[in-house]
C-alpha cells in the first residue's frame, strides 16, 4: 500500500533532524534519523518497499526489520493524522 503526507503539513530538515509542523493543530513533531528517512521517503512518493530498502542500506538492518519498522511508523503516522493511504 502507498501513503502520502496529508495536505497542510510543513516539514524541514534542520541539523540532521526532520521537524513536522501541523499549523491547523498547533503541533510540531521532531523525528529521529530512522523516522526522518521514512518521512522523507513518503514525501518523495516512494513506495514502502523502496523506503525499507533505504533503511537497509543506511542502517544495515535485515529486510524483515526494515519492513516492520516502516510499517510500524507509517501506522503511527496514520493514527496521528499525518499521512493517508493512497487509493
N, C-alpha and C. Protein backbone atom coordinates (compact mmCIF):
# COMPACT_ATOMS: atom_id res chain seq x y z
N UNK A 1 0.85 -1.18 0.00
CA UNK A 1 0.00 0.00 0.00
C UNK A 1 0.89 1.24 0.00
N UNK A 2 0.44 2.26 -0.67
CA UNK A 2 1.18 3.52 -0.73
C UNK A 2 0.51 4.55 0.18
N UNK A 3 1.31 5.47 0.65
CA UNK A 3 0.82 6.52 1.54
C UNK A 3 1.31 7.87 1.06
N UNK A 4 0.58 8.91 1.43
CA UNK A 4 1.02 10.27 1.13
C UNK A 4 0.84 11.14 2.37
N UNK A 5 1.63 12.17 2.42
CA UNK A 5 1.54 13.12 3.54
C UNK A 5 0.30 13.97 3.36
N UNK A 6 -0.42 14.17 4.44
CA UNK A 6 -1.65 14.97 4.36
C UNK A 6 -1.31 16.42 4.01
N UNK A 7 -2.21 17.05 3.29
CA UNK A 7 -2.03 18.45 2.91
C UNK A 7 -2.07 19.33 4.15
N UNK A 8 -1.37 20.45 4.06
CA UNK A 8 -1.38 21.41 5.15
C UNK A 8 -0.25 21.23 6.15
N UNK A 9 0.60 20.22 5.94
CA UNK A 9 1.73 20.00 6.84
C UNK A 9 2.98 20.60 6.22
N UNK A 10 3.82 21.14 7.06
CA UNK A 10 5.13 21.65 6.62
C UNK A 10 6.19 20.82 7.33
N UNK A 11 7.31 20.60 6.65
CA UNK A 11 8.41 19.90 7.30
C UNK A 11 9.73 20.41 6.76
N UNK A 12 10.74 20.29 7.59
CA UNK A 12 12.06 20.76 7.21
C UNK A 12 13.11 19.98 7.97
N UNK A 13 14.24 19.72 7.31
CA UNK A 13 15.38 19.07 7.96
C UNK A 13 16.28 20.17 8.50
N UNK A 14 16.57 20.10 9.80
CA UNK A 14 17.43 21.07 10.47
C UNK A 14 18.42 20.28 11.32
N UNK A 15 19.68 20.47 11.06
CA UNK A 15 20.75 19.81 11.83
C UNK A 15 20.54 18.29 11.92
N UNK A 16 20.15 17.69 10.79
CA UNK A 16 20.03 16.24 10.73
C UNK A 16 18.72 15.67 11.22
N UNK A 17 17.83 16.49 11.72
CA UNK A 17 16.53 16.03 12.21
C UNK A 17 15.43 16.66 11.37
N UNK A 18 14.34 15.94 11.20
CA UNK A 18 13.19 16.47 10.48
C UNK A 18 12.15 16.93 11.50
N UNK A 19 11.63 18.12 11.26
CA UNK A 19 10.57 18.70 12.09
C UNK A 19 9.32 18.83 11.24
N UNK A 20 8.19 18.36 11.76
CA UNK A 20 6.90 18.45 11.09
C UNK A 20 6.05 19.46 11.83
N UNK A 21 5.46 20.37 11.09
CA UNK A 21 4.59 21.39 11.69
C UNK A 21 3.18 21.20 11.14
N UNK A 22 2.24 21.02 12.05
CA UNK A 22 0.83 20.95 11.71
C UNK A 22 0.20 22.21 12.28
N UNK A 23 0.15 23.25 11.45
CA UNK A 23 -0.33 24.55 11.92
C UNK A 23 -1.79 24.50 12.35
N UNK A 24 -2.60 23.70 11.67
CA UNK A 24 -4.02 23.61 12.00
C UNK A 24 -4.24 23.09 13.42
N UNK A 25 -3.36 22.22 13.87
CA UNK A 25 -3.47 21.65 15.22
C UNK A 25 -2.52 22.31 16.21
N UNK A 26 -1.73 23.26 15.73
CA UNK A 26 -0.72 23.92 16.58
C UNK A 26 0.22 22.89 17.21
N UNK A 27 0.71 21.96 16.36
CA UNK A 27 1.61 20.91 16.83
C UNK A 27 2.89 20.89 16.01
N UNK A 28 3.97 20.50 16.67
CA UNK A 28 5.23 20.29 15.99
C UNK A 28 5.81 18.98 16.51
N UNK A 29 6.38 18.20 15.59
CA UNK A 29 6.99 16.92 15.95
C UNK A 29 8.42 16.89 15.44
N UNK A 30 9.28 16.28 16.22
CA UNK A 30 10.67 16.09 15.84
C UNK A 30 10.88 14.61 15.57
N UNK A 31 11.50 14.28 14.44
CA UNK A 31 11.74 12.89 14.09
C UNK A 31 13.21 12.54 14.22
N UNK A 32 13.48 11.32 14.67
CA UNK A 32 14.86 10.84 14.75
C UNK A 32 15.34 10.44 13.35
N UNK A 33 16.55 9.92 13.25
CA UNK A 33 17.14 9.59 11.96
C UNK A 33 16.34 8.59 11.15
N UNK A 34 15.93 7.49 11.78
CA UNK A 34 15.16 6.47 11.08
C UNK A 34 13.81 7.03 10.63
N UNK A 35 13.11 7.69 11.54
CA UNK A 35 11.81 8.26 11.21
C UNK A 35 11.94 9.33 10.13
N UNK A 36 13.01 10.10 10.18
CA UNK A 36 13.24 11.14 9.16
C UNK A 36 13.39 10.53 7.78
N UNK A 37 14.14 9.43 7.69
CA UNK A 37 14.34 8.77 6.40
C UNK A 37 13.00 8.25 5.86
N UNK A 38 12.18 7.69 6.74
CA UNK A 38 10.87 7.19 6.32
C UNK A 38 9.98 8.34 5.87
N UNK A 39 9.94 9.41 6.65
CA UNK A 39 9.10 10.57 6.32
C UNK A 39 9.50 11.16 4.98
N UNK A 40 10.80 11.35 4.77
CA UNK A 40 11.25 11.94 3.51
C UNK A 40 10.97 11.01 2.32
N UNK A 41 11.00 9.71 2.56
CA UNK A 41 10.62 8.77 1.50
C UNK A 41 9.16 8.91 1.14
N UNK A 42 8.30 9.03 2.15
CA UNK A 42 6.87 9.24 1.89
C UNK A 42 6.64 10.56 1.17
N UNK A 43 7.36 11.60 1.59
CA UNK A 43 7.21 12.92 0.97
C UNK A 43 7.61 12.89 -0.50
N UNK A 44 8.57 12.02 -0.84
CA UNK A 44 9.04 11.90 -2.22
C UNK A 44 8.16 10.95 -3.04
N UNK A 45 7.15 10.35 -2.39
CA UNK A 45 6.24 9.46 -3.09
C UNK A 45 6.78 8.06 -3.31
N UNK A 46 7.78 7.68 -2.53
CA UNK A 46 8.36 6.34 -2.67
C UNK A 46 7.44 5.29 -2.05
N UNK A 47 7.39 4.10 -2.65
CA UNK A 47 6.62 3.02 -2.04
C UNK A 47 7.31 2.50 -0.77
N UNK A 48 6.55 1.85 0.06
CA UNK A 48 7.06 1.33 1.34
C UNK A 48 8.28 0.43 1.13
N UNK A 49 8.24 -0.42 0.11
CA UNK A 49 9.38 -1.33 -0.14
C UNK A 49 10.66 -0.56 -0.45
N UNK A 50 10.55 0.53 -1.20
CA UNK A 50 11.73 1.33 -1.53
C UNK A 50 12.26 2.05 -0.29
N UNK A 51 11.36 2.51 0.56
CA UNK A 51 11.77 3.17 1.80
C UNK A 51 12.50 2.15 2.69
N UNK A 52 11.96 0.94 2.77
CA UNK A 52 12.61 -0.11 3.56
C UNK A 52 13.99 -0.43 3.01
N UNK A 53 14.13 -0.44 1.70
CA UNK A 53 15.44 -0.68 1.08
C UNK A 53 16.43 0.42 1.48
N UNK A 54 15.95 1.64 1.59
CA UNK A 54 16.80 2.74 2.05
C UNK A 54 17.26 2.54 3.48
N UNK A 55 16.35 2.04 4.33
CA UNK A 55 16.73 1.76 5.72
C UNK A 55 17.77 0.65 5.78
N UNK A 56 17.59 -0.37 4.95
CA UNK A 56 18.55 -1.48 4.92
C UNK A 56 19.94 -0.98 4.55
N UNK A 57 20.00 -0.10 3.58
CA UNK A 57 21.29 0.43 3.13
C UNK A 57 21.91 1.38 4.17
N UNK A 58 21.09 2.23 4.73
CA UNK A 58 21.60 3.25 5.67
C UNK A 58 22.00 2.67 7.02
N UNK A 59 21.20 1.74 7.53
CA UNK A 59 21.41 1.25 8.90
C UNK A 59 21.84 -0.21 8.96
N UNK A 60 22.03 -0.84 7.81
CA UNK A 60 22.49 -2.23 7.75
C UNK A 60 21.63 -3.16 8.60
N UNK A 61 20.34 -3.11 8.37
CA UNK A 61 19.40 -3.99 9.07
C UNK A 61 18.81 -4.98 8.07
N UNK A 62 18.35 -6.13 8.55
CA UNK A 62 17.74 -7.11 7.65
C UNK A 62 16.44 -6.58 7.05
N UNK A 63 16.05 -7.13 5.92
CA UNK A 63 14.83 -6.70 5.23
C UNK A 63 13.60 -6.79 6.12
N UNK A 64 13.47 -7.88 6.85
CA UNK A 64 12.31 -8.07 7.73
C UNK A 64 12.21 -6.93 8.75
N UNK A 65 13.34 -6.56 9.33
CA UNK A 65 13.36 -5.48 10.32
C UNK A 65 12.99 -4.15 9.67
N UNK A 66 13.57 -3.88 8.50
CA UNK A 66 13.30 -2.62 7.81
C UNK A 66 11.82 -2.51 7.44
N UNK A 67 11.26 -3.56 6.89
CA UNK A 67 9.84 -3.53 6.52
C UNK A 67 8.95 -3.34 7.74
N UNK A 68 9.28 -4.00 8.85
CA UNK A 68 8.50 -3.86 10.08
C UNK A 68 8.60 -2.45 10.63
N UNK A 69 9.81 -1.87 10.58
CA UNK A 69 9.99 -0.50 11.08
C UNK A 69 9.18 0.50 10.26
N UNK A 70 9.23 0.36 8.94
CA UNK A 70 8.48 1.27 8.07
C UNK A 70 6.98 1.11 8.31
N UNK A 71 6.51 -0.13 8.33
CA UNK A 71 5.07 -0.37 8.54
C UNK A 71 4.60 0.17 9.87
N UNK A 72 5.38 -0.05 10.92
CA UNK A 72 5.00 0.44 12.24
C UNK A 72 4.95 1.94 12.33
N UNK A 73 5.96 2.60 11.74
CA UNK A 73 5.98 4.06 11.80
C UNK A 73 4.87 4.67 10.94
N UNK A 74 4.62 4.09 9.77
CA UNK A 74 3.54 4.59 8.92
C UNK A 74 2.20 4.43 9.63
N UNK A 75 2.03 3.34 10.34
CA UNK A 75 0.80 3.13 11.12
C UNK A 75 0.66 4.22 12.19
N UNK A 76 1.75 4.55 12.86
CA UNK A 76 1.73 5.62 13.86
C UNK A 76 1.40 6.97 13.22
N UNK A 77 1.99 7.24 12.05
CA UNK A 77 1.73 8.50 11.35
C UNK A 77 0.26 8.59 10.94
N UNK A 78 -0.29 7.48 10.47
CA UNK A 78 -1.70 7.46 10.07
C UNK A 78 -2.60 7.70 11.28
N UNK A 79 -2.28 7.05 12.39
CA UNK A 79 -3.08 7.23 13.61
C UNK A 79 -3.03 8.67 14.11
N UNK A 80 -1.90 9.35 13.87
CA UNK A 80 -1.74 10.75 14.27
C UNK A 80 -2.34 11.71 13.25
N UNK A 81 -2.85 11.18 12.14
CA UNK A 81 -3.47 12.03 11.12
C UNK A 81 -2.47 12.77 10.25
N UNK A 82 -1.26 12.24 10.14
CA UNK A 82 -0.22 12.92 9.36
C UNK A 82 -0.06 12.36 7.95
N UNK A 83 -0.47 11.12 7.74
CA UNK A 83 -0.43 10.51 6.40
C UNK A 83 -1.75 9.82 6.14
N UNK A 84 -1.99 9.55 4.87
CA UNK A 84 -3.20 8.83 4.48
C UNK A 84 -2.86 7.86 3.36
N UNK A 85 -3.62 6.78 3.29
CA UNK A 85 -3.42 5.79 2.24
C UNK A 85 -3.81 6.39 0.90
N UNK A 86 -3.05 6.05 -0.11
CA UNK A 86 -3.34 6.47 -1.48
C UNK A 86 -4.22 5.40 -2.10
N UNK A 87 -5.31 5.82 -2.67
CA UNK A 87 -6.26 4.86 -3.26
C UNK A 87 -6.00 4.67 -4.73
